[in-house]
Structure formats: C-alpha cells, structure tokens
C-alpha cells in the first residue's frame, strides 16, 4: 500500500500588489524535506504503522516532491506534452501550459503564480521542455524540464492525476487500484476522458475504488480545511478526532480496532459502502459498529 502525501499543497497565498497576480508557496518549499518528513512522522506514520502491523500489509509514503522528481513521472509528462491540447478540453478551459506552476528560479524561493497566467511551456522535443514564468521576487525566468533534471514540476490536480495514471497504464505484473473518496468521482470522469483523448483505450483505464463520503447534516461534504480555516463550524455530531486522529479519546490501538470494525460493517454489503455517511452516523458507527441501512435481499 502506497500513500501519497501532497506536499505541494499551498502553505501560503499572497497577492502581488504591482501585478495583482496571486502567488502561492507550497509546504514542500516552506518547510523543506526535513520539515515535511517530520510532519509525516508526527501526523500519519503512527497510524499507518499500527494498521500495517494489525493487517500484515506493508506500506510506504511518497510525497509529491519525490514523485515529480522520479524520471518516469517527468518522462511521462514530457511525452504527453505534444498531445496536451487534446486533454485540456476535459481537464481545464485554459491552455495546458497554464496549469503548470514553476516555483521560483532560485533554491529556497518556492513562490509560483497560483493560476499560472504568465507561465508558458515550450516542447523542445527529445524529452525536454522549457518553462518560462514570472517569480514574485525574482521576475521573469526560465527552467528546463528533463527526465532526470530540471525544475520542480508542479502540476494542477487533474493534470497531476492524468500523468500519474498514464505512468502506470503500461505496468506489467501489478494491478494498480486508485483509491479515492466519493467526492472524486466527477473528477475521474474528466480524467478518463483526457486519458482516452491522449491515446488510451477504455480497457487501459486504471481500476478505481471510491470510498464513502463523509457529509454534514445538510448533505454537504465535511470540509476539514474550511473548518480549520475558521470558515465553517464543526457540524453537529462531528468530533475533533474526525479532523485529527490524535484527538481520539482512547489509545491508538483502540482507534485502529474501532476503525477496522467500521470497515467490516461498510464492506459487509454494497448498500453500506456505496453511499455517504453523516459525521454523526460515522461517530455512532465508530462506537457501535452495527449498520442501520436495510440489507440487500
């Protein structure tokens, strides 16, 4: 089992007073490799290790920074670049090159235009591309992208998924299954269209598993980010541990057992799995793992 840690998520967002353009700095550039590793060790690894020990399933954690630096990922992006105009009708109304964020020309900078309005990508052929952009602090610059070298390849979400799934489409001997939340289903329809637009057949599309979505009492998705930013309140029935598992009132071992009990219930019947759950119902299931939906005949 491989978990992806998106350390390219925005750490800070500012507006350039002169141009009006929005810039963002990713966690990867704000905290550095050591800081990101510390965050993973503190927030995720204890739970993953406990689950791995309990289930006897090994796991690994890969950051986006590590993924984009891999020659296979970069080579896949370079090879699909000439066909990106076909994919962009599914993934973005903007030209494909504007979904690329190049985080500054100098080490330690990390500021990239959030919407990449002035970013341009030129396909140089022979597995090489030139990216021109405008840095918040250093002005105009260019970086070279090659499989084994060059700038940081920060792709927007849908384009990132396109490249990642193209990369595994030719895998032999391993069945890759993409596990996502149910809120990702509409986005995957767009990714599937883009994959076929650049040359894959339906039989080559990756297998996917969509997990139940957690919603509020209004039916909206439970947004942890909005709650943490203070733009939404913790809904009725929700508990702090739903945002941070370290807030579970018992031990980690107990949390793992309750989580596995919940999983047994959800996987016992398709009607339990292919649906959404309110935060309150999820909390009830974690304390009393019994289903209340009508079982299939």
Protein backbone atom coordinates (compact mmCIF):
# COMPACT_ATOMS: atom_id res chain seq x y z
CA UNK A 1 0.00 0.00 0.00
CA UNK A 2 1.38 3.38 -1.02
CA UNK A 3 0.08 6.62 0.44
CA UNK A 4 0.62 9.90 -1.38
CA UNK A 5 1.42 13.00 0.69
CA UNK A 6 0.65 16.13 -1.32
CA UNK A 7 3.35 18.42 0.00
CA UNK A 8 2.72 20.72 -2.96
CA UNK A 9 -0.48 21.93 -1.27
CA UNK A 10 -0.49 25.71 -0.60
CA UNK A 11 1.26 26.76 2.60
CA UNK A 12 0.81 30.48 1.97
CA UNK A 13 -1.03 32.56 -0.65
CA UNK A 14 -0.33 36.25 -1.32
CA UNK A 15 -1.26 38.84 -3.92
CA UNK A 16 1.42 40.79 -5.77
CA UNK A 17 0.47 44.44 -5.21
CA UNK A 18 2.02 45.57 -8.51
CA UNK A 19 0.55 42.99 -10.91
CA UNK A 20 -2.47 41.76 -8.96
CA UNK A 21 -1.47 38.16 -9.61
CA UNK A 22 -1.92 35.58 -6.87
CA UNK A 23 1.14 33.60 -5.75
CA UNK A 24 1.40 30.51 -3.61
CA UNK A 25 4.19 28.76 -1.76
CA UNK A 26 3.86 25.02 -1.22
CA UNK A 27 4.51 23.17 2.03
CA UNK A 28 7.45 21.47 0.31
CA UNK A 29 9.22 24.78 -0.24
CA UNK A 30 8.18 26.41 3.02
CA UNK A 31 9.13 23.51 5.32
CA UNK A 32 11.79 21.71 3.26
CA UNK A 33 12.34 17.96 3.04
CA UNK A 34 13.22 17.59 6.72
CA UNK A 35 10.17 19.55 7.86
CA UNK A 36 7.84 17.53 5.61
CA UNK A 37 9.31 14.26 6.90
CA UNK A 38 8.71 15.44 10.47
CA UNK A 39 5.09 16.26 9.68
CA UNK A 40 4.52 12.82 8.13
CA UNK A 41 6.17 11.09 11.08
CA UNK A 42 4.04 13.07 13.53
CA UNK A 43 0.65 13.06 11.79
CA UNK A 44 0.47 9.90 9.69
CA UNK A 45 3.14 7.31 10.29
CA UNK A 46 1.99 6.13 13.77
CA UNK A 47 -1.49 5.30 12.46
CA UNK A 48 -0.20 3.72 9.24
CA UNK A 49 2.33 1.65 11.19
CA UNK A 50 -0.34 0.42 13.61
CA UNK A 51 -2.65 -0.56 10.74
CA UNK A 52 0.22 -2.23 8.90
CA UNK A 53 1.12 -4.26 11.98
CA UNK A 54 -2.50 -5.25 12.58
CA UNK A 55 -3.22 -6.24 8.95
CA UNK A 56 0.25 -7.52 7.99
CA UNK A 57 0.24 -5.27 4.93
CA UNK A 58 3.41 -3.25 4.27
CA UNK A 59 3.09 0.43 3.37
CA UNK A 60 5.15 3.31 2.06
CA UNK A 61 4.64 7.07 1.97
CA UNK A 62 5.64 9.08 -1.09
CA UNK A 63 5.49 12.86 -1.20
CA UNK A 64 4.57 14.69 -4.37
CA UNK A 65 8.05 16.21 -4.36
CA UNK A 66 9.52 12.70 -4.57
CA UNK A 67 7.01 11.68 -7.22
CA UNK A 68 7.65 14.64 -9.53
CA UNK A 69 11.41 14.10 -9.25
CA UNK A 70 11.14 10.50 -10.49
CA UNK A 71 12.36 10.12 -14.11
CA UNK A 72 9.30 8.01 -15.07
CA UNK A 73 6.87 10.73 -13.92
CA UNK A 74 8.77 13.52 -15.68
CA UNK A 75 9.26 11.46 -18.83
CA UNK A 76 5.54 10.67 -18.96
CA UNK A 77 4.70 14.38 -18.73
CA UNK A 78 7.21 15.23 -21.44
CA UNK A 79 5.87 12.52 -23.75
CA UNK A 80 2.23 13.56 -23.34
CA UNK A 81 3.04 17.27 -23.73
CA UNK A 82 2.52 17.31 -27.55
CA UNK A 83 -0.99 15.87 -27.03
CA UNK A 84 -1.93 18.05 -24.06
CA UNK A 85 -4.19 20.28 -26.16
CA UNK A 86 -6.48 17.28 -26.70
CA UNK A 87 -6.58 16.57 -22.97
CA UNK A 88 -7.21 20.13 -21.83
CA UNK A 89 -10.82 20.13 -23.09
CA UNK A 90 -11.55 17.63 -20.34
CA UNK A 91 -9.26 19.00 -17.65
CA UNK A 92 -9.26 22.77 -18.00
CA UNK A 93 -10.60 25.52 -20.25
CA UNK A 94 -7.22 27.19 -20.01
CA UNK A 95 -4.31 26.19 -22.26
CA UNK A 96 -2.46 23.21 -20.83
CA UNK A 97 0.68 25.24 -20.07
CA UNK A 98 -1.23 27.43 -17.61
CA UNK A 99 -1.81 24.51 -15.27
CA UNK A 100 1.92 24.36 -14.57
CA UNK A 101 3.36 26.16 -11.58
CA UNK A 102 7.10 26.70 -11.57
CA UNK A 103 8.22 27.56 -8.04
CA UNK A 104 10.82 30.26 -8.48
CA UNK A 105 14.22 30.38 -10.18
CA UNK A 106 16.37 30.08 -7.05
CA UNK A 107 16.65 27.44 -4.31
CA UNK A 108 14.60 28.35 -1.25
CA UNK A 109 12.25 30.67 -3.14
CA UNK A 110 9.24 28.49 -3.94
CA UNK A 111 6.79 31.23 -4.97
CA UNK A 112 4.71 30.33 -8.05
CA UNK A 113 1.78 32.03 -9.74
CA UNK A 114 -1.26 30.24 -8.33
CA UNK A 115 -3.13 30.28 -11.62
CA UNK A 116 -0.01 30.32 -13.82
CA UNK A 117 -1.40 33.09 -16.06
CA UNK A 118 2.07 34.07 -17.31
CA UNK A 119 3.58 30.58 -17.34
CA UNK A 120 4.40 29.11 -20.75
CA UNK A 121 5.70 25.67 -21.67
CA UNK A 122 7.63 25.01 -24.89
CA UNK A 123 8.06 21.43 -26.05
CA UNK A 124 11.68 21.22 -27.24
CA UNK A 125 11.40 17.56 -28.28
CA UNK A 126 13.86 14.81 -27.32
CA UNK A 127 12.34 14.60 -23.81
CA UNK A 128 12.99 18.22 -22.98
CA UNK A 129 10.79 21.24 -22.33
CA UNK A 130 11.44 24.88 -21.43
CA UNK A 131 9.19 26.66 -18.96
CA UNK A 132 9.07 30.45 -18.74
CA UNK A 133 7.37 32.10 -15.77
CA UNK A 134 7.37 35.19 -13.56
CA UNK A 135 8.55 34.91 -9.96
CA UNK A 136 7.09 37.04 -7.17
CA UNK A 137 10.56 38.21 -6.06
CA UNK A 138 12.90 37.49 -8.99
CA UNK A 139 10.92 38.47 -12.09
CA UNK A 140 10.98 36.58 -15.38
CA UNK A 141 12.94 33.34 -15.61
CA UNK A 142 13.19 30.05 -17.49
CA UNK A 143 13.76 26.48 -16.31
CA UNK A 144 14.48 23.31 -18.25
CA UNK A 145 12.48 20.14 -17.57
CA UNK A 146 14.17 16.82 -18.40
CA UNK A 147 13.55 13.29 -17.08
CA UNK A 148 16.48 13.30 -14.69
CA UNK A 149 16.99 17.01 -14.10
CA UNK A 150 15.47 20.48 -14.18
CA UNK A 151 12.87 22.48 -12.29
CA UNK A 152 10.14 21.43 -9.91
CA UNK A 153 7.21 20.02 -11.91
CA UNK A 154 4.17 21.26 -10.00
CA UNK A 155 1.02 20.25 -11.89
CA UNK A 156 -2.58 21.18 -11.15
CA UNK A 157 -4.71 18.43 -9.63
CA UNK A 158 -6.38 16.97 -12.74
CA UNK A 159 -3.20 17.14 -14.82
CA UNK A 160 -1.26 15.51 -11.98
CA UNK A 161 -3.72 12.62 -11.97
CA UNK A 162 -3.51 12.34 -15.76
CA UNK A 163 0.27 11.93 -15.66
CA UNK A 164 0.21 9.59 -12.66
CA UNK A 165 -2.36 7.28 -14.27
CA UNK A 166 -0.64 7.36 -17.65
CA UNK A 167 2.57 6.34 -15.92
CA UNK A 168 1.05 3.14 -14.51
CA UNK A 169 -1.03 2.26 -17.59
CA UNK A 170 1.77 0.18 -19.05
CA UNK A 171 2.64 -1.65 -15.82
CA UNK A 172 3.14 -5.40 -16.17
CA UNK A 173 2.66 -7.84 -13.31
CA UNK A 174 0.98 -5.38 -10.93
CA UNK A 175 -2.70 -4.40 -10.77
CA UNK A 176 -2.80 -0.80 -9.61
CA UNK A 177 -6.03 0.33 -7.92
CA UNK A 178 -6.63 4.03 -7.34
CA UNK A 179 -8.45 4.55 -4.01
CA UNK A 180 -10.28 7.87 -3.72
CA UNK A 181 -13.11 9.48 -1.80
CA UNK A 182 -16.57 9.50 -3.35
CA UNK A 183 -16.31 13.26 -3.99
CA UNK A 184 -13.63 12.46 -6.59
CA UNK A 185 -16.00 10.54 -8.87
CA UNK A 186 -16.93 13.52 -11.14
CA UNK A 187 -13.25 14.48 -11.47
CA UNK A 188 -12.30 10.95 -12.51
CA UNK A 189 -14.83 11.09 -15.36
CA UNK A 190 -12.86 14.07 -16.69
CA UNK A 191 -9.52 12.29 -16.19
CA UNK A 192 -10.85 9.23 -18.05
CA UNK A 193 -11.87 11.46 -20.97
CA UNK A 194 -8.39 13.02 -21.03
CA UNK A 195 -6.69 9.62 -20.87
CA UNK A 196 -8.64 8.49 -23.91
CA UNK A 197 -8.02 11.79 -25.69
CA UNK A 198 -4.25 11.21 -25.47
CA UNK A 199 -4.48 7.63 -26.73
CA UNK A 200 -5.58 5.11 -24.10
CA UNK A 201 -8.44 2.71 -24.73
CA UNK A 202 -11.17 2.08 -22.15
CA UNK A 203 -9.55 -1.25 -21.35
CA UNK A 204 -6.37 0.56 -20.33
CA UNK A 205 -8.05 2.89 -17.83
CA UNK A 206 -7.00 2.23 -14.21
CA UNK A 207 -9.17 0.41 -11.70
CA UNK A 208 -10.63 2.73 -9.06
CA UNK A 209 -12.31 2.29 -5.71
CA UNK A 210 -14.42 5.15 -4.37
CA UNK A 211 -14.83 5.19 -0.60
CA UNK A 212 -17.92 6.55 1.20
CA UNK A 213 -18.04 10.31 1.55
CA UNK A 214 -18.49 11.97 4.94
CA UNK A 215 -21.10 14.74 4.85
CA UNK A 216 -22.64 17.24 7.26
CA UNK A 217 -26.27 17.26 8.37
CA UNK A 218 -27.04 19.47 5.34
CA UNK A 219 -25.66 16.90 2.90
CA UNK A 220 -22.57 18.96 2.01
CA UNK A 221 -19.14 17.36 2.13
CA UNK A 222 -17.46 17.60 5.54
CA UNK A 223 -14.65 20.04 4.68
CA UNK A 224 -11.79 19.75 7.14
CA UNK A 225 -9.92 22.62 5.50
CA UNK A 226 -12.85 25.04 5.83
CA UNK A 227 -13.29 24.11 9.49
CA UNK A 228 -9.58 24.54 10.24
CA UNK A 229 -9.54 27.91 8.48
CA UNK A 230 -12.50 29.07 10.57
CA UNK A 231 -14.79 29.45 7.56
CA UNK A 232 -17.14 26.70 8.72
CA UNK A 233 -18.15 25.37 12.11
CA UNK A 234 -17.76 21.79 13.26
CA UNK A 235 -21.20 20.34 12.36
CA UNK A 236 -23.49 18.66 14.82
CA UNK A 237 -22.50 15.07 15.53
CA UNK A 238 -18.90 15.62 14.43
CA UNK A 239 -15.98 15.28 16.83
CA UNK A 240 -12.45 16.76 16.87
CA UNK A 241 -10.88 13.33 16.15
CA UNK A 242 -12.55 13.37 12.72
CA UNK A 243 -10.22 16.23 11.82
CA UNK A 244 -7.16 14.96 13.70
CA UNK A 245 -6.97 11.29 14.70
CA UNK A 246 -4.63 12.24 17.55
CA UNK A 247 -7.69 13.71 19.27
CA UNK A 248 -9.27 10.26 19.68
CA UNK A 249 -10.13 9.99 23.40
CA UNK A 250 -8.70 6.47 23.75
CA UNK A 251 -5.48 4.78 22.71
CA UNK A 252 -4.16 4.42 19.17
CA UNK A 253 -4.63 0.64 19.38
CA UNK A 254 -8.29 1.16 20.31
CA UNK A 255 -8.78 3.60 17.43
CA UNK A 256 -7.32 1.06 14.99
CA UNK A 257 -9.67 -1.67 16.27
CA UNK A 258 -12.71 0.63 16.01
CA UNK A 259 -11.66 1.71 12.51
CA UNK A 260 -11.32 -1.91 11.36
CA UNK A 261 -14.70 -2.72 12.92
CA UNK A 262 -16.22 0.16 10.95
CA UNK A 263 -14.56 -1.18 7.80
CA UNK A 264 -16.09 -4.62 8.36
CA UNK A 265 -19.55 -3.04 8.51
CA UNK A 266 -19.05 -0.93 5.37
CA UNK A 267 -17.72 -3.85 3.34
CA UNK A 268 -20.37 -6.30 4.51
CA UNK A 269 -22.92 -5.13 1.95
CA UNK A 270 -22.69 -2.93 -1.17
CA UNK A 271 -25.52 -0.83 0.24
CA UNK A 272 -23.32 0.05 3.19
CA UNK A 273 -20.30 1.00 1.08
CA UNK A 274 -21.64 2.80 -1.99
CA UNK A 275 -23.23 5.71 -0.14
CA UNK A 276 -22.39 8.71 2.02
CA UNK A 277 -22.44 8.97 5.82
CA UNK A 278 -23.13 11.96 8.02
CA UNK A 279 -20.43 12.83 10.52
CA UNK A 280 -22.86 11.93 13.32
CA UNK A 281 -23.58 8.47 11.88
CA UNK A 282 -19.87 7.87 11.36
CA UNK A 283 -19.27 8.71 15.01
CA UNK A 284 -22.01 6.27 16.04
CA UNK A 285 -20.52 3.50 13.90
CA UNK A 286 -17.12 4.03 15.49
CA UNK A 287 -18.60 3.38 18.93
CA UNK A 288 -21.17 0.72 17.92
CA UNK A 289 -20.25 -0.93 14.64
CA UNK A 290 -23.74 -2.00 13.53
CA UNK A 291 -25.39 -1.00 10.28
CA UNK A 292 -28.78 0.70 10.21
CA UNK A 293 -29.38 0.60 6.44
CA UNK A 294 -31.71 -2.08 5.03
CA UNK A 295 -29.68 -5.14 3.93
CA UNK A 296 -29.89 -6.39 0.37
CA UNK A 297 -32.33 -9.32 -0.17
